Amino acid sequence: DPVPILLEGSTGVGKSASIMEAAYLCGQRELVRYNMSSRVSIDDLLGKVALVFNEKTESTVFQFVEGPFTRAFANGYWLLLDELNLAQDTVLQAIESALDTCQLTINNTSS
């Protein structure tokens, strides 16, 4: 089972590089990296319904676009969230809930 890890330390000591190297050495097929900030919303991290061009039908449709957290969570990828200390409380609560329950529920992804 995956284990969430929180690394704390001064800027430039190699926290992110250590995680990227660990993922590489473990043979992880993908590492999703995302820079957090005070402007990152739950929609940015989890995903949102957006207008997307459909090449098959050559039309624009509403479609759910996964955010980096959802993509990593759903596919079992490693997830590196840089600058997590800058995230809004609501974003941190969504992350904590998913990690505590091992479930991620996204409601009404159709529009």
N, C-alpha and C. Protein backbone atom coordinates (compact mmCIF):
# COMPACT_ATOMS: atom_id res chain seq x y z
N ASP A 1 0.83 -1.19 0.00
CA ASP A 1 0.00 0.00 0.00
C ASP A 1 0.88 1.25 0.00
N PRO A 2 0.47 2.27 -0.75
CA PRO A 2 1.24 3.52 -0.77
C PRO A 2 1.21 4.21 0.59
N VAL A 3 2.27 4.88 0.91
CA VAL A 3 2.38 5.60 2.16
C VAL A 3 2.68 7.07 1.86
N PRO A 4 1.81 7.99 2.31
CA PRO A 4 2.10 9.41 2.11
C PRO A 4 3.30 9.83 2.96
N ILE A 5 4.17 10.62 2.38
CA ILE A 5 5.35 11.11 3.09
C ILE A 5 5.39 12.63 2.98
N LEU A 6 5.65 13.30 4.08
CA LEU A 6 5.81 14.75 4.09
C LEU A 6 7.25 15.06 4.45
N LEU A 7 7.97 15.68 3.52
CA LEU A 7 9.35 16.08 3.78
C LEU A 7 9.37 17.57 4.08
N GLU A 8 10.02 17.94 5.17
CA GLU A 8 10.18 19.34 5.54
C GLU A 8 11.66 19.66 5.58
N GLY A 9 11.98 20.89 5.21
CA GLY A 9 13.38 21.30 5.27
C GLY A 9 13.58 22.62 4.57
N SER A 10 14.76 23.14 4.69
CA SER A 10 15.11 24.42 4.07
C SER A 10 15.07 24.32 2.55
N THR A 11 14.96 25.47 1.92
CA THR A 11 14.97 25.55 0.47
C THR A 11 16.31 25.07 -0.08
N GLY A 12 16.25 24.26 -1.13
CA GLY A 12 17.46 23.86 -1.83
C GLY A 12 18.24 22.71 -1.22
N VAL A 13 17.66 21.98 -0.27
CA VAL A 13 18.41 20.88 0.35
C VAL A 13 18.21 19.55 -0.38
N GLY A 14 17.32 19.50 -1.37
CA GLY A 14 17.17 18.30 -2.18
C GLY A 14 15.96 17.44 -1.87
N LYS A 15 14.93 18.02 -1.27
CA LYS A 15 13.73 17.24 -0.95
C LYS A 15 13.08 16.69 -2.23
N SER A 16 12.82 17.56 -3.18
CA SER A 16 12.17 17.15 -4.43
C SER A 16 13.05 16.18 -5.21
N ALA A 17 14.35 16.48 -5.28
CA ALA A 17 15.28 15.61 -6.01
C ALA A 17 15.32 14.22 -5.38
N SER A 18 15.23 14.15 -4.06
CA SER A 18 15.23 12.86 -3.36
C SER A 18 14.01 12.03 -3.74
N ILE A 19 12.85 12.67 -3.80
CA ILE A 19 11.62 11.96 -4.18
C ILE A 19 11.70 11.50 -5.63
N MET A 20 12.18 12.36 -6.52
CA MET A 20 12.29 11.98 -7.93
C MET A 20 13.26 10.81 -8.11
N GLU A 21 14.35 10.82 -7.37
CA GLU A 21 15.31 9.71 -7.45
C GLU A 21 14.72 8.43 -6.87
N ALA A 22 13.99 8.53 -5.76
CA ALA A 22 13.36 7.35 -5.16
C ALA A 22 12.34 6.74 -6.12
N ALA A 23 11.55 7.58 -6.79
CA ALA A 23 10.58 7.08 -7.76
C ALA A 23 11.28 6.37 -8.91
N TYR A 24 12.37 6.95 -9.37
CA TYR A 24 13.15 6.35 -10.46
C TYR A 24 13.72 5.00 -10.04
N LEU A 25 14.33 4.95 -8.85
CA LEU A 25 14.94 3.71 -8.37
C LEU A 25 13.92 2.61 -8.10
N CYS A 26 12.70 3.01 -7.76
CA CYS A 26 11.63 2.03 -7.52
C CYS A 26 10.97 1.57 -8.82
N GLY A 27 11.42 2.13 -9.94
CA GLY A 27 10.85 1.73 -11.22
C GLY A 27 9.46 2.28 -11.46
N GLN A 28 9.14 3.36 -10.77
CA GLN A 28 7.81 3.96 -10.92
C GLN A 28 7.62 4.44 -12.34
N ARG A 29 6.47 4.07 -12.94
CA ARG A 29 6.25 4.44 -14.33
C ARG A 29 5.95 5.92 -14.53
N GLU A 30 5.43 6.58 -13.51
CA GLU A 30 5.18 8.02 -13.65
C GLU A 30 5.18 8.70 -12.30
N LEU A 31 5.78 9.87 -12.30
CA LEU A 31 5.78 10.75 -11.13
C LEU A 31 5.09 12.03 -11.56
N VAL A 32 4.01 12.38 -10.90
CA VAL A 32 3.28 13.61 -11.19
C VAL A 32 3.78 14.68 -10.23
N ARG A 33 4.28 15.78 -10.78
CA ARG A 33 4.81 16.87 -9.95
C ARG A 33 3.96 18.10 -10.17
N TYR A 34 3.60 18.76 -9.06
CA TYR A 34 2.74 19.95 -9.15
C TYR A 34 3.20 20.97 -8.13
N ASN A 35 3.34 22.20 -8.54
CA ASN A 35 3.72 23.29 -7.64
C ASN A 35 2.47 23.92 -7.04
N MET A 36 2.38 23.89 -5.74
CA MET A 36 1.26 24.48 -5.04
C MET A 36 1.52 25.97 -4.82
N SER A 37 0.43 26.71 -4.60
CA SER A 37 0.51 28.12 -4.24
C SER A 37 -0.80 28.49 -3.56
N SER A 38 -0.88 29.71 -3.10
CA SER A 38 -2.12 30.16 -2.45
C SER A 38 -3.25 30.32 -3.46
N ARG A 39 -2.93 30.32 -4.74
CA ARG A 39 -3.95 30.48 -5.78
C ARG A 39 -4.48 29.16 -6.33
N VAL A 40 -3.87 28.05 -5.95
CA VAL A 40 -4.33 26.74 -6.43
C VAL A 40 -5.65 26.40 -5.76
N SER A 41 -6.65 26.07 -6.58
CA SER A 41 -7.98 25.72 -6.06
C SER A 41 -8.16 24.20 -6.09
N ILE A 42 -9.24 23.76 -5.47
CA ILE A 42 -9.57 22.34 -5.51
C ILE A 42 -9.78 21.90 -6.95
N ASP A 43 -10.40 22.75 -7.77
CA ASP A 43 -10.59 22.42 -9.19
C ASP A 43 -9.26 22.22 -9.90
N ASP A 44 -8.28 23.05 -9.60
CA ASP A 44 -6.97 22.92 -10.22
C ASP A 44 -6.33 21.58 -9.88
N LEU A 45 -6.48 21.17 -8.64
CA LEU A 45 -5.82 19.95 -8.16
C LEU A 45 -6.60 18.69 -8.51
N LEU A 46 -7.93 18.72 -8.34
CA LEU A 46 -8.74 17.52 -8.57
C LEU A 46 -9.25 17.40 -9.99
N GLY A 47 -9.58 18.53 -10.61
CA GLY A 47 -10.11 18.52 -11.97
C GLY A 47 -11.38 19.33 -12.05
N LYS A 48 -11.80 19.56 -13.29
CA LYS A 48 -13.00 20.37 -13.51
C LYS A 48 -13.58 20.08 -14.88
N VAL A 49 -14.83 20.47 -15.06
CA VAL A 49 -15.49 20.37 -16.35
C VAL A 49 -15.05 21.57 -17.17
N ALA A 50 -14.60 21.31 -18.39
CA ALA A 50 -14.11 22.39 -19.25
C ALA A 50 -14.52 22.11 -20.69
N LEU A 51 -14.50 23.14 -21.51
CA LEU A 51 -14.74 22.98 -22.94
C LEU A 51 -13.49 22.38 -23.57
N VAL A 52 -13.68 21.25 -24.27
CA VAL A 52 -12.56 20.53 -24.87
C VAL A 52 -12.90 20.23 -26.32
N PHE A 53 -11.94 20.42 -27.22
CA PHE A 53 -12.16 20.11 -28.63
C PHE A 53 -12.05 18.61 -28.82
N ASN A 54 -13.10 18.00 -29.39
CA ASN A 54 -13.14 16.57 -29.68
C ASN A 54 -12.73 16.38 -31.13
N GLU A 55 -11.56 15.76 -31.35
CA GLU A 55 -11.04 15.59 -32.70
C GLU A 55 -11.90 14.66 -33.55
N LYS A 56 -12.51 13.65 -32.93
CA LYS A 56 -13.34 12.70 -33.69
C LYS A 56 -14.56 13.37 -34.30
N THR A 57 -15.23 14.16 -33.48
CA THR A 57 -16.46 14.81 -33.97
C THR A 57 -16.19 16.23 -34.48
N GLU A 58 -14.96 16.68 -34.31
CA GLU A 58 -14.57 18.04 -34.70
C GLU A 58 -15.51 19.10 -34.11
N SER A 59 -15.81 18.90 -32.84
CA SER A 59 -16.67 19.85 -32.14
C SER A 59 -16.13 20.08 -30.73
N THR A 60 -16.62 21.12 -30.12
CA THR A 60 -16.23 21.44 -28.75
C THR A 60 -17.31 20.92 -27.81
N VAL A 61 -16.88 20.17 -26.80
CA VAL A 61 -17.82 19.56 -25.86
C VAL A 61 -17.36 19.84 -24.43
N PHE A 62 -18.32 19.76 -23.50
CA PHE A 62 -17.97 19.83 -22.09
C PHE A 62 -17.45 18.46 -21.67
N GLN A 63 -16.33 18.46 -20.98
CA GLN A 63 -15.72 17.20 -20.58
C GLN A 63 -14.98 17.40 -19.25
N PHE A 64 -14.98 16.37 -18.41
CA PHE A 64 -14.22 16.45 -17.17
C PHE A 64 -12.75 16.25 -17.48
N VAL A 65 -11.93 17.19 -17.03
CA VAL A 65 -10.48 17.12 -17.22
C VAL A 65 -9.85 16.88 -15.85
N GLU A 66 -9.20 15.73 -15.70
CA GLU A 66 -8.59 15.38 -14.42
C GLU A 66 -7.48 16.35 -14.05
N GLY A 67 -7.41 16.66 -12.77
CA GLY A 67 -6.29 17.43 -12.25
C GLY A 67 -5.15 16.49 -11.88
N PRO A 68 -4.01 17.02 -11.52
CA PRO A 68 -2.85 16.17 -11.22
C PRO A 68 -3.06 15.22 -10.04
N PHE A 69 -3.77 15.66 -9.02
CA PHE A 69 -4.01 14.79 -7.87
C PHE A 69 -4.89 13.61 -8.28
N THR A 70 -5.96 13.89 -9.02
CA THR A 70 -6.87 12.83 -9.45
C THR A 70 -6.16 11.84 -10.36
N ARG A 71 -5.36 12.34 -11.29
CA ARG A 71 -4.65 11.46 -12.23
C ARG A 71 -3.69 10.54 -11.47
N ALA A 72 -2.94 11.09 -10.53
CA ALA A 72 -2.01 10.29 -9.75
C ALA A 72 -2.75 9.30 -8.85
N PHE A 73 -3.79 9.77 -8.19
CA PHE A 73 -4.56 8.94 -7.26
C PHE A 73 -5.22 7.77 -7.99
N ALA A 74 -5.84 8.04 -9.12
CA ALA A 74 -6.58 7.01 -9.87
C ALA A 74 -5.66 5.98 -10.50
N ASN A 75 -4.45 6.38 -10.85
CA ASN A 75 -3.54 5.48 -11.57
C ASN A 75 -2.42 4.91 -10.71
N GLY A 76 -2.39 5.29 -9.45
CA GLY A 76 -1.36 4.77 -8.56
C GLY A 76 0.02 5.36 -8.81
N TYR A 77 0.07 6.56 -9.38
CA TYR A 77 1.34 7.22 -9.64
C TYR A 77 1.88 7.87 -8.37
N TRP A 78 3.16 8.12 -8.36
CA TRP A 78 3.75 8.92 -7.30
C TRP A 78 3.31 10.36 -7.54
N LEU A 79 3.10 11.11 -6.46
CA LEU A 79 2.68 12.50 -6.56
C LEU A 79 3.59 13.36 -5.70
N LEU A 80 4.20 14.35 -6.31
CA LEU A 80 5.07 15.28 -5.61
C LEU A 80 4.42 16.65 -5.63
N LEU A 81 3.99 17.12 -4.47
CA LEU A 81 3.37 18.44 -4.34
C LEU A 81 4.39 19.39 -3.71
N ASP A 82 5.01 20.21 -4.54
CA ASP A 82 5.98 21.19 -4.04
C ASP A 82 5.26 22.37 -3.40
N GLU A 83 5.89 22.96 -2.40
CA GLU A 83 5.37 24.15 -1.72
C GLU A 83 3.98 23.92 -1.12
N LEU A 84 3.77 22.75 -0.55
CA LEU A 84 2.47 22.40 0.04
C LEU A 84 2.07 23.37 1.14
N ASN A 85 3.04 23.96 1.81
CA ASN A 85 2.75 24.91 2.89
C ASN A 85 2.02 26.16 2.40
N LEU A 86 2.03 26.42 1.10
CA LEU A 86 1.35 27.60 0.55
C LEU A 86 -0.10 27.33 0.18
N ALA A 87 -0.53 26.08 0.22
CA ALA A 87 -1.88 25.71 -0.23
C ALA A 87 -2.96 26.23 0.71
N GLN A 88 -4.13 26.50 0.13
CA GLN A 88 -5.30 26.93 0.91
C GLN A 88 -5.76 25.77 1.81
N ASP A 89 -6.40 26.11 2.92
CA ASP A 89 -6.91 25.09 3.84
C ASP A 89 -7.89 24.14 3.16
N THR A 90 -8.76 24.65 2.30
CA THR A 90 -9.74 23.79 1.64
C THR A 90 -9.06 22.76 0.73
N VAL A 91 -7.98 23.15 0.10
CA VAL A 91 -7.22 22.23 -0.75
C VAL A 91 -6.55 21.17 0.11
N LEU A 92 -5.95 21.58 1.21
CA LEU A 92 -5.31 20.64 2.12
C LEU A 92 -6.32 19.65 2.70
N GLN A 93 -7.53 20.13 3.01
CA GLN A 93 -8.57 19.25 3.55
C GLN A 93 -8.98 18.20 2.52
N ALA A 94 -9.07 18.57 1.25
CA ALA A 94 -9.43 17.61 0.20
C ALA A 94 -8.35 16.54 0.06
N ILE A 95 -7.09 16.95 0.11
CA ILE A 95 -5.98 16.00 0.03
C ILE A 95 -6.00 15.07 1.23
N GLU A 96 -6.15 15.64 2.42
CA GLU A 96 -6.16 14.85 3.65
C GLU A 96 -7.30 13.84 3.66
N SER A 97 -8.47 14.26 3.23
CA SER A 97 -9.62 13.36 3.20
C SER A 97 -9.37 12.17 2.28
N ALA A 98 -8.83 12.43 1.10
CA ALA A 98 -8.56 11.34 0.15
C ALA A 98 -7.50 10.39 0.70
N LEU A 99 -6.47 10.92 1.33
CA LEU A 99 -5.42 10.06 1.87
C LEU A 99 -5.90 9.27 3.08
N ASP A 100 -6.74 9.88 3.92
CA ASP A 100 -7.25 9.20 5.12
C ASP A 100 -8.19 8.06 4.77
N THR A 101 -9.05 8.28 3.78
CA THR A 101 -10.08 7.29 3.44
C THR A 101 -9.68 6.37 2.29
N CYS A 102 -8.59 6.68 1.61
CA CYS A 102 -8.17 5.94 0.41
C CYS A 102 -9.24 5.98 -0.67
N GLN A 103 -10.04 7.04 -0.67
CA GLN A 103 -11.10 7.23 -1.66
C GLN A 103 -11.09 8.67 -2.13
N LEU A 104 -11.40 8.82 -3.42
CA LEU A 104 -11.52 10.15 -3.99
C LEU A 104 -12.82 10.19 -4.76
N THR A 105 -13.75 11.02 -4.30
CA THR A 105 -15.05 11.13 -4.95
C THR A 105 -15.15 12.47 -5.64
N ILE A 106 -15.42 12.42 -6.95
CA ILE A 106 -15.63 13.63 -7.73
C ILE A 106 -17.08 13.59 -8.19
N ASN A 107 -17.87 14.54 -7.76
CA ASN A 107 -19.29 14.54 -8.09
C ASN A 107 -19.57 15.23 -9.41
N ASN A 108 -20.52 14.67 -10.17
CA ASN A 108 -21.06 15.28 -11.38
C ASN A 108 -19.97 15.77 -12.33
N THR A 109 -19.30 14.82 -12.97
CA THR A 109 -18.24 15.17 -13.91
C THR A 109 -18.76 15.38 -15.33
N SER A 110 -20.08 15.36 -15.51
CA SER A 110 -20.62 15.47 -16.87
C SER A 110 -20.81 16.90 -17.33
N SER A 111 -21.09 17.83 -16.46
CA SER A 111 -21.17 19.26 -16.82
C SER A 111 -21.70 20.08 -15.68
